[in-house]
Amino acid sequence: MTRAFFPAPPDHVPAELIHDFDFFSVPPGEGDPTEIWHDLVRSGVPSKFYTPRNGGHWVFLDYDDIVEAYRDYSIFSNHQASMPPMEHWPTLQPVGFDPPEHNVFRRLLAPMFTPKAVRDITDELRRRSAVLIDGFAAKGSCDFIPEYAEKFPTSSFLYLFGMPEERLDDFLTLANAFFRTSDPKVKGEAVNSIFAEIDAFFREKQKNPGNDIASTIVTARDADGNPHSWQDMLNCGFLLFVAGLDTVTNTMAYIWRHLATTPASRAYFRDRLDDPDGFLRAIEELMRINAVSNIVRRVKDDCEFRGVQLRRNDRVALPNTVANRDPRTFRDPETINLDREVNVHVTFGVGPHRCVGSHLAKREIMVSLQEWLKRIPDFELVPDQGQATAFGGSVMGFRSLKLQWPAG
């Protein structure tokens, strides 16, 4: 890999479009990392601006521009789109390739994440959720992040992937090291450690395949009946590892944070425990208002895009939380309307790289909320949350969320 994918100095950007903004940095005292994005919008910065932070990159703030950047891979590539730019960034399968190359591994993964496939594992998800909640329900309090939001989706993913669940804490440490830094050296070390884990794990699966996602990957064959390249398989495993160990955790944190402070929303869900359609519709709204990911694309070639000059290898940050509150797309976007019928949020992306695991993520949240409300129908934030735990970056969230309810 060469430095050919690194952006050039931003001498193509007019001064009025340059704004100093670091989406990894959450100011002391800020309790909600998404607010650093919404403060930008409220401050009146241009809807497309350039920041010198994290290697230099563009930021798009309008829903239509963000959706177009997701869809138009002829301009906005997902290949080598790391933020900040890294010389040895892996080409993840399938999201690191643009169509049609990405279709090979996407078609391999898609059957394992269809609505039916996810429904078929609902009982197992429900069992896992119940075991975790029963472990602290009678106590009357918990720190939601380490006691549930990290453990449930992560252990469920390890179960589906076929990785040893007893190493949950080790894998969480690796995932946090990958997501929580903008230091290329630290991130590179995390990447190498994760690849080493995946390599050893896949070699064992080759010898002893089972009924899991990893076994499907290592035993798959291409159109000519040959195994896929080992590096492509590792890159696919890496993607699933980092995707399965973080995003759902932080989405859950935001949803439970909202419910802990909004009795009407808790009552809404309690009243619909036997109404899956209404339940899922309301979850979609909470995922709209609580989008946690900031996606990056790389510009393929010099071009003009809707009034701004883009240069080959420029990075573009696409904050889903901003797109999902664009008043030109959503009526009363700051209002949480659990009955919202038309909800074209971009929390899972749009276009050819829309998240293949979106049905699993929604099912995990639905099951968790159902099992939780059966056991803990009312809960609130602990008044003293301790030191600020909010973090920014490609996935935003909290390191701690202390909840309480009547003991017993």
Protein backbone atom coordinates (compact mmCIF):
# COMPACT_ATOMS: atom_id res chain seq x y z
CA MET A 1 0.00 0.00 0.00
CA THR A 2 1.33 3.47 -0.85
CA ARG A 3 0.63 7.02 0.18
CA ALA A 4 -1.36 7.49 -3.02
CA PHE A 5 -4.55 7.53 -0.97
CA PHE A 6 -3.47 10.47 1.19
CA PRO A 7 -5.14 13.85 0.59
CA ALA A 8 -3.16 16.78 -0.80
CA PRO A 9 -2.88 20.12 1.05
CA PRO A 10 -6.23 21.94 0.94
CA ASP A 11 -5.17 24.80 -1.35
CA HIS A 12 -8.33 24.12 -3.35
CA VAL A 13 -10.54 25.15 -0.41
CA PRO A 14 -11.51 28.82 -0.05
CA ALA A 15 -10.85 30.37 3.36
CA GLU A 16 -14.53 30.91 4.10
CA LEU A 17 -15.14 27.14 3.91
CA ILE A 18 -12.40 26.22 6.42
CA HIS A 19 -13.62 25.68 9.98
CA ASP A 20 -11.64 24.18 12.86
CA PHE A 21 -13.63 21.14 14.02
CA ASP A 22 -12.51 17.82 15.54
CA PHE A 23 -15.28 15.25 15.77
CA PHE A 24 -13.15 13.05 18.03
CA SER A 25 -13.00 15.79 20.66
CA VAL A 26 -15.87 16.22 23.14
CA PRO A 27 -15.44 19.35 25.32
CA PRO A 28 -15.25 18.86 29.09
CA GLY A 29 -18.70 19.05 30.62
CA GLU A 30 -20.54 18.07 27.42
CA GLY A 31 -22.84 15.22 28.36
CA ASP A 32 -23.97 14.29 24.84
CA PRO A 33 -21.34 13.84 22.11
CA THR A 34 -23.91 14.31 19.32
CA GLU A 35 -24.28 17.91 20.49
CA ILE A 36 -20.88 18.83 19.05
CA TRP A 37 -22.48 18.20 15.64
CA HIS A 38 -25.74 19.99 16.32
CA ASP A 39 -23.85 22.96 17.76
CA LEU A 40 -22.15 23.19 14.38
CA VAL A 41 -25.49 23.44 12.60
CA ARG A 42 -26.79 26.00 15.10
CA SER A 43 -23.64 28.11 14.69
CA GLY A 44 -24.39 28.60 11.01
CA VAL A 45 -21.27 27.03 9.47
CA PRO A 46 -21.51 26.27 5.75
CA SER A 47 -23.39 23.08 4.95
CA LYS A 48 -20.21 21.78 3.29
CA PHE A 49 -17.01 22.87 5.03
CA TYR A 50 -13.41 21.72 5.42
CA THR A 51 -11.58 21.13 8.69
CA PRO A 52 -7.79 20.71 9.02
CA ARG A 53 -8.25 18.20 11.86
CA ASN A 54 -7.53 14.44 11.57
CA GLY A 55 -5.55 14.76 8.37
CA GLY A 56 -7.95 17.32 6.87
CA HIS A 57 -11.41 16.48 5.57
CA TRP A 58 -14.74 17.81 4.39
CA VAL A 59 -17.92 17.66 6.43
CA PHE A 60 -21.37 17.49 4.83
CA LEU A 61 -24.31 18.64 6.96
CA ASP A 62 -27.36 18.50 4.63
CA TYR A 63 -29.44 15.34 4.41
CA ASP A 64 -29.51 15.39 0.59
CA ASP A 65 -25.72 15.80 0.31
CA ILE A 66 -25.09 13.02 2.83
CA VAL A 67 -27.47 10.63 1.06
CA GLU A 68 -25.88 11.41 -2.31
CA ALA A 69 -22.41 10.73 -0.90
CA TYR A 70 -23.66 7.36 0.34
CA ARG A 71 -25.19 6.46 -3.00
CA ASP A 72 -22.81 7.85 -5.63
CA TYR A 73 -19.77 5.60 -5.41
CA SER A 74 -18.52 6.99 -8.74
CA ILE A 75 -17.49 10.09 -6.75
CA PHE A 76 -17.42 8.99 -3.11
CA SER A 77 -15.50 5.78 -2.64
CA ASN A 78 -15.45 3.53 0.39
CA HIS A 79 -12.06 2.16 -0.63
CA GLN A 80 -9.20 3.36 1.61
CA ALA A 81 -11.47 5.89 3.32
CA SER A 82 -9.83 5.81 6.74
CA MET A 83 -10.09 8.77 9.10
CA PRO A 84 -7.47 9.96 9.84
CA PRO A 85 -5.70 8.63 6.72
CA MET A 86 -3.48 5.63 7.44
CA GLU A 87 -0.78 4.17 5.23
CA HIS A 88 -1.59 0.56 6.10
CA TRP A 89 -5.37 0.68 6.31
CA PRO A 90 -6.96 -2.71 5.51
CA THR A 91 -9.36 -3.03 2.61
CA LEU A 92 -12.31 -4.42 4.54
CA GLN A 93 -14.67 -6.90 2.89
CA PRO A 94 -17.19 -6.06 1.59
CA VAL A 95 -17.45 -2.36 2.59
CA GLY A 96 -13.90 -1.47 1.52
CA PHE A 97 -14.77 -2.16 -2.11
CA ASP A 98 -17.13 -0.25 -4.36
CA PRO A 99 -19.67 -2.01 -6.59
CA PRO A 100 -19.46 -4.39 -8.29
CA GLU A 101 -16.39 -5.80 -6.46
CA HIS A 102 -18.14 -5.59 -3.09
CA ASN A 103 -20.90 -7.95 -4.22
CA VAL A 104 -18.88 -11.14 -3.69
CA PHE A 105 -18.68 -10.98 0.07
CA ARG A 106 -21.91 -9.04 0.52
CA ARG A 107 -23.79 -11.89 -1.18
CA LEU A 108 -21.94 -14.33 1.06
CA LEU A 109 -22.98 -12.48 4.24
CA ALA A 110 -26.49 -11.31 3.32
CA PRO A 111 -28.34 -14.65 3.82
CA MET A 112 -27.11 -14.79 7.42
CA PHE A 113 -28.66 -11.41 8.24
CA THR A 114 -32.03 -11.52 6.47
CA PRO A 115 -35.19 -10.75 8.49
CA LYS A 116 -36.03 -14.48 8.55
CA ALA A 117 -32.54 -15.49 9.68
CA VAL A 118 -32.71 -12.93 12.47
CA ARG A 119 -36.21 -14.05 13.52
CA ASP A 120 -34.92 -17.62 13.76
CA ILE A 121 -32.45 -16.65 16.50
CA THR A 122 -34.91 -14.52 18.49
CA ASP A 123 -35.40 -17.13 21.20
CA GLU A 124 -31.64 -17.33 21.77
CA LEU A 125 -31.37 -13.55 21.90
CA ARG A 126 -34.26 -13.43 24.34
CA ARG A 127 -32.63 -16.04 26.59
CA ARG A 128 -29.35 -14.16 26.65
CA SER A 129 -31.03 -10.87 27.40
CA ALA A 130 -33.07 -12.36 30.26
CA VAL A 131 -30.02 -13.95 31.89
CA LEU A 132 -28.14 -10.65 31.96
CA ILE A 133 -31.07 -8.57 33.26
CA ASP A 134 -31.96 -11.14 35.91
CA GLY A 135 -28.41 -10.79 37.18
CA PHE A 136 -29.01 -7.26 38.44
CA ALA A 137 -32.78 -6.55 38.35
CA ALA A 138 -33.35 -7.26 42.05
CA LYS A 139 -30.38 -5.07 43.02
CA GLY A 140 -32.15 -1.87 41.97
CA SER A 141 -29.27 -0.37 40.02
CA CYS A 142 -26.63 -1.05 37.38
CA ASP A 143 -24.10 0.63 35.18
CA PHE A 144 -25.90 -0.06 31.93
CA ILE A 145 -22.85 0.10 29.66
CA PRO A 146 -20.54 -2.57 31.17
CA GLU A 147 -23.33 -4.67 32.73
CA TYR A 148 -25.63 -4.89 29.72
CA ALA A 149 -25.04 -2.70 26.64
CA GLU A 150 -21.54 -4.06 26.05
CA LYS A 151 -22.23 -7.63 27.08
CA PHE A 152 -25.48 -8.43 25.28
CA PRO A 153 -24.83 -7.45 21.65
CA THR A 154 -21.17 -8.41 21.89
CA SER A 155 -21.68 -11.85 23.40
CA SER A 156 -24.53 -12.44 20.93
CA PHE A 157 -22.22 -11.54 18.06
CA LEU A 158 -19.46 -13.82 19.37
CA TYR A 159 -22.02 -16.64 19.58
CA LEU A 160 -23.14 -16.08 15.97
CA PHE A 161 -19.59 -15.58 14.72
CA GLY A 162 -18.30 -18.62 16.57
CA MET A 163 -15.69 -16.86 18.69
CA PRO A 164 -15.05 -17.92 22.31
CA GLU A 165 -17.41 -15.94 24.54
CA GLU A 166 -15.16 -16.36 27.58
CA ARG A 167 -12.80 -13.87 25.92
CA LEU A 168 -15.44 -11.16 25.76
CA ASP A 169 -13.43 -8.69 27.86
CA ASP A 170 -10.32 -9.14 25.71
CA PHE A 171 -12.25 -8.48 22.54
CA LEU A 172 -13.98 -5.40 23.99
CA THR A 173 -10.57 -3.98 24.92
CA LEU A 174 -9.41 -4.40 21.32
CA ALA A 175 -12.56 -2.85 19.89
CA ASN A 176 -12.33 0.15 22.22
CA ALA A 177 -8.69 0.70 21.28
CA PHE A 178 -9.70 0.69 17.61
CA PHE A 179 -12.66 3.06 17.88
CA ARG A 180 -11.63 5.52 20.59
CA THR A 181 -8.45 7.01 19.15
CA SER A 182 -7.52 9.39 16.35
CA ASP A 183 -3.81 8.58 16.81
CA PRO A 184 -2.72 6.63 13.70
CA LYS A 185 -0.04 4.74 15.65
CA VAL A 186 -2.43 3.59 18.37
CA LYS A 187 -5.10 2.71 15.82
CA GLY A 188 -2.56 0.81 13.74
CA GLU A 189 -1.52 -1.26 16.74
CA ALA A 190 -5.16 -2.09 17.44
CA VAL A 191 -5.67 -3.10 13.80
CA ASN A 192 -2.67 -5.45 13.94
CA SER A 193 -3.88 -7.04 17.18
CA ILE A 194 -7.38 -7.62 15.83
CA PHE A 195 -6.01 -9.16 12.62
CA ALA A 196 -3.82 -11.49 14.66
CA GLU A 197 -6.87 -12.66 16.61
CA ILE A 198 -8.92 -13.16 13.45
CA ASP A 199 -6.10 -15.02 11.69
CA ALA A 200 -5.66 -17.53 14.52
CA PHE A 201 -9.42 -17.93 14.89
CA PHE A 202 -10.03 -18.52 11.17
CA ARG A 203 -7.23 -21.08 10.96
CA GLU A 204 -8.87 -23.03 13.75
CA LYS A 205 -12.23 -22.78 11.94
CA GLN A 206 -10.64 -24.19 8.81
CA LYS A 207 -9.64 -27.26 10.78
CA ASN A 208 -12.88 -27.54 12.74
CA PRO A 209 -15.73 -25.75 10.94
CA GLY A 210 -19.05 -25.38 12.69
CA ASN A 211 -22.47 -23.83 12.19
CA ASP A 212 -21.44 -20.19 12.50
CA ILE A 213 -20.61 -17.13 10.41
CA ALA A 214 -16.84 -17.63 10.56
CA SER A 215 -17.15 -21.18 9.27
CA THR A 216 -19.30 -19.96 6.40
CA ILE A 217 -16.60 -17.47 5.43
CA VAL A 218 -13.62 -19.85 5.54
CA THR A 219 -15.42 -22.69 3.74
CA ALA A 220 -17.01 -20.51 1.02
CA ARG A 221 -15.94 -20.88 -2.60
CA ASP A 222 -15.80 -18.39 -5.45
CA ALA A 223 -17.54 -18.74 -8.81
CA ASP A 224 -14.79 -21.11 -9.99
CA GLY A 225 -15.07 -23.33 -6.94
CA ASN A 226 -11.88 -22.05 -5.31
CA PRO A 227 -11.47 -20.67 -1.78
CA HIS A 228 -11.45 -16.92 -1.48
CA SER A 229 -8.09 -15.32 -0.82
CA TRP A 230 -6.97 -15.59 2.79
CA GLN A 231 -6.52 -11.81 3.04
CA ASP A 232 -10.05 -11.17 1.78
CA MET A 233 -11.41 -13.59 4.37
CA LEU A 234 -9.41 -11.87 7.12
CA ASN A 235 -10.63 -8.47 5.96
CA CYS A 236 -14.22 -9.70 6.12
CA GLY A 237 -13.67 -11.10 9.59
CA PHE A 238 -12.12 -7.84 10.74
CA LEU A 239 -15.12 -5.86 9.53
CA LEU A 240 -17.59 -8.13 11.29
CA PHE A 241 -15.52 -8.01 14.47
CA VAL A 242 -15.40 -4.22 14.77
CA ALA A 243 -18.99 -3.78 13.55
CA GLY A 244 -20.36 -6.40 15.92
CA LEU A 245 -18.62 -5.09 19.03
CA ASP A 246 -19.52 -1.40 19.17
CA THR A 247 -22.35 0.26 17.25
CA VAL A 248 -25.32 -1.52 18.85
CA THR A 249 -23.81 -0.96 22.30
CA ASN A 250 -23.78 2.79 21.86
CA THR A 251 -27.19 2.94 20.19
CA MET A 252 -28.62 1.09 23.20
CA ALA A 253 -26.91 3.54 25.55
CA TYR A 254 -28.68 6.47 23.90
CA ILE A 255 -32.05 4.73 23.85
CA TRP A 256 -31.92 3.71 27.52
CA ARG A 257 -30.70 7.21 28.42
CA HIS A 258 -33.77 8.66 26.74
CA LEU A 259 -36.16 6.18 28.38
CA ALA A 260 -34.63 6.78 31.82
CA THR A 261 -35.50 10.47 31.54
CA THR A 262 -38.85 10.20 29.72
CA PRO A 263 -41.67 8.38 31.58
CA ALA A 264 -44.08 8.85 28.66
CA SER A 265 -41.77 6.92 26.33
CA ARG A 266 -41.38 4.10 28.83
CA ALA A 267 -45.16 3.87 29.10
CA TYR A 268 -45.48 3.89 25.30
CA PHE A 269 -43.26 0.83 24.97
CA ARG A 270 -44.81 -0.96 27.95
CA ASP A 271 -48.22 -0.57 26.35
CA ARG A 272 -46.95 -2.17 23.13
CA LEU A 273 -45.10 -5.22 24.40
CA ASP A 274 -47.55 -7.37 22.41
CA ASP A 275 -47.57 -5.08 19.35
CA PRO A 276 -44.34 -5.81 17.45
CA ASP A 277 -45.16 -3.44 14.57
CA GLY A 278 -45.79 -0.50 16.87
CA PHE A 279 -42.80 -1.45 18.99
CA LEU A 280 -40.43 -1.53 16.02
CA ARG A 281 -41.83 1.70 14.58
CA ALA A 282 -41.05 3.47 17.85
CA ILE A 283 -37.55 1.94 17.94
CA GLU A 284 -36.93 3.31 14.43
CA GLU A 285 -37.70 6.79 15.75
CA LEU A 286 -35.29 6.41 18.66
CA MET A 287 -32.62 5.19 16.23
CA ARG A 288 -33.29 8.25 14.06
CA ILE A 289 -32.84 10.74 16.88
CA ASN A 290 -29.93 8.79 18.40
CA ALA A 291 -27.72 7.97 15.40
CA VAL A 292 -24.21 7.28 16.71
CA SER A 293 -22.05 6.74 13.61
CA ASN A 294 -20.10 9.23 11.51
CA ILE A 295 -19.23 7.59 8.20
CA VAL A 296 -16.31 8.57 5.95
CA ARG A 297 -15.93 8.48 2.19
CA ARG A 298 -12.91 9.20 -0.06
CA VAL A 299 -13.19 11.30 -3.22
CA LYS A 300 -12.10 9.27 -6.25
CA ASP A 301 -11.13 12.09 -8.63
CA ASP A 302 -11.02 15.87 -8.80
CA CYS A 303 -14.54 17.16 -9.36
CA GLU A 304 -17.10 19.79 -8.44
CA PHE A 305 -19.90 18.66 -6.17
CA ARG A 306 -22.83 20.98 -5.58
CA GLY A 307 -20.79 24.16 -5.51
CA VAL A 308 -17.55 22.97 -3.88
CA GLN A 309 -14.32 21.80 -5.47
CA LEU A 310 -13.28 18.35 -4.31
CA ARG A 311 -9.85 16.90 -4.93
CA ARG A 312 -8.82 13.29 -5.42
CA ASN A 313 -8.42 11.52 -2.04
CA ASP A 314 -10.22 14.21 -0.03
CA ARG A 315 -12.06 12.61 2.88
CA VAL A 316 -15.69 13.47 3.57
CA ALA A 317 -17.35 12.94 6.95
CA LEU A 318 -21.07 12.09 6.87
CA PRO A 319 -22.66 12.61 10.31
CA ASN A 320 -25.86 10.57 10.44
CA THR A 321 -27.10 12.43 13.51
CA VAL A 322 -27.19 15.68 11.51
CA ALA A 323 -28.84 14.12 8.45
CA ASN A 324 -31.54 12.59 10.66
CA ARG A 325 -32.55 16.01 12.01
CA ASP A 326 -32.66 17.93 8.74
CA PRO A 327 -35.92 19.96 8.82
CA ARG A 328 -36.24 19.78 5.03
CA THR A 329 -36.65 16.00 5.30
CA PHE A 330 -38.25 15.40 8.71
CA ARG A 331 -41.25 17.22 10.15
CA ASP A 332 -40.41 18.59 13.62
CA PRO A 333 -37.04 16.80 13.51
CA GLU A 334 -36.07 17.62 17.11
CA THR A 335 -39.32 16.12 18.41
CA ILE A 336 -39.31 12.42 19.26
CA ASN A 337 -42.53 11.12 17.69
CA LEU A 338 -42.80 7.40 18.45
CA ASP A 339 -45.71 7.16 15.98
CA ARG A 340 -43.72 8.71 13.11
CA GLU A 341 -44.92 6.92 9.99
CA VAL A 342 -42.46 8.18 7.37
CA ASN A 343 -38.97 7.74 8.75
CA VAL A 344 -36.27 7.83 6.08
CA HIS A 345 -33.41 8.02 8.57
CA VAL A 346 -29.89 7.12 7.49
CA THR A 347 -28.74 5.49 10.74
CA PHE A 348 -27.78 2.32 8.83
CA GLY A 349 -26.57 4.17 5.76
CA VAL A 350 -28.12 4.28 2.31
CA GLY A 351 -27.25 2.70 -1.02
CA PRO A 352 -24.95 -0.21 -1.85
CA HIS A 353 -23.15 -0.19 1.51
CA ARG A 354 -26.23 0.00 3.72
CA CYS A 355 -25.47 -1.95 6.90
CA VAL A 356 -25.97 -5.67 6.22
CA GLY A 357 -26.58 -6.26 9.93
CA SER A 358 -29.37 -3.71 10.37
CA HIS A 359 -32.08 -6.33 10.95
CA LEU A 360 -29.98 -7.99 13.64
CA ALA A 361 -29.31 -4.65 15.34
CA LYS A 362 -33.02 -3.77 15.46
CA ARG A 363 -33.93 -7.23 16.71
CA GLU A 364 -31.32 -7.02 19.49
CA ILE A 365 -32.69 -3.67 20.62
CA MET A 366 -36.30 -4.84 20.44
CA VAL A 367 -35.64 -8.02 22.43
CA SER A 368 -33.56 -6.15 25.00
CA LEU A 369 -36.22 -3.53 25.56
CA GLN A 370 -39.01 -6.11 25.83
CA GLU A 371 -37.12 -8.22 28.37
CA TRP A 372 -36.01 -5.16 30.31
CA LEU A 373 -39.48 -3.62 30.65
CA LYS A 374 -40.96 -6.93 31.78
CA ARG A 375 -38.55 -6.90 34.71
CA ILE A 376 -37.79 -3.20 35.19
CA PRO A 377 -40.83 -1.24 34.02
CA ASP A 378 -39.64 2.07 35.48
CA PHE A 379 -36.11 3.34 35.91
CA GLU A 380 -34.20 6.59 36.00
CA LEU A 381 -30.69 8.00 35.80
CA VAL A 382 -28.65 7.95 38.98
CA PRO A 383 -28.35 11.67 39.89
CA ASP A 384 -24.58 11.54 40.31
CA GLN A 385 -23.17 10.02 37.14
CA GLY A 386 -19.60 10.70 38.19
CA GLN A 387 -16.98 11.98 35.77
CA ALA A 388 -17.97 12.80 32.21
CA THR A 389 -17.86 9.65 30.09
CA ALA A 390 -18.99 10.89 26.65
CA PHE A 391 -16.72 10.22 23.68
CA GLY A 392 -16.76 11.23 20.02
CA GLY A 393 -15.26 9.72 16.89
CA SER A 394 -16.55 7.43 14.17
CA VAL A 395 -18.96 5.96 16.74
CA MET A 396 -20.17 8.20 19.59
CA GLY A 397 -21.38 7.13 23.00
CA PHE A 398 -20.73 6.81 26.72
CA ARG A 399 -18.38 4.75 28.85
CA SER A 400 -20.85 4.66 31.73
CA LEU A 401 -24.61 5.09 32.22
CA LYS A 402 -25.78 4.51 35.78
CA LEU A 403 -29.46 3.57 36.20
CA GLN A 404 -31.62 2.94 39.26
CA TRP A 405 -35.11 1.59 40.05
CA PRO A 406 -36.95 0.23 43.11
CA ALA A 407 -34.92 -2.68 44.48
CA GLY A 408 -36.50 -6.11 44.65
